[in-house]
Amino acid sequence: MCQRVLHLGVNLSPVLLVPTVDPSPRVVAKATRLVSLTDRTVVFVDNRKAMADVFLQELAKTLQRSFGIVPIHLRTPGKGIRVAPVEFLEDVAKRADAVVFGVGD
């Protein structure tokens, strides 16, 4: 897909852009599955995509009725943030037995 580009009469070399945040992502262990959600604190993180808030609220209500979870709703720290800041993730980890990162659209 890379092609030579003619721009303002100048022949430019192709440029490959890789839209990744970190070229070498960390490998982390998977979280241990909870035996039950009963009376657990579940943090719902709204990533501010369209309808994510609606979906997460309905999911929280359903899990609260079914399992008695204690829901905590958080919003990501900024619109369009692709990677949550470490401080945000540490706060979530302190407060939650389980986390649901919501997606909308």
Foldseek 3Di string as FASTA:
>chain_A
DFDFDQDPNDTDHTDDDDPDDDPDDDDDDDDDDDPAQAAWEEEEEEAPAPCQVVVSVVVVVVCCVVRVYHYHYHYQPDHPDPDGDPVVVVVDVVGGPYYHYTDDD
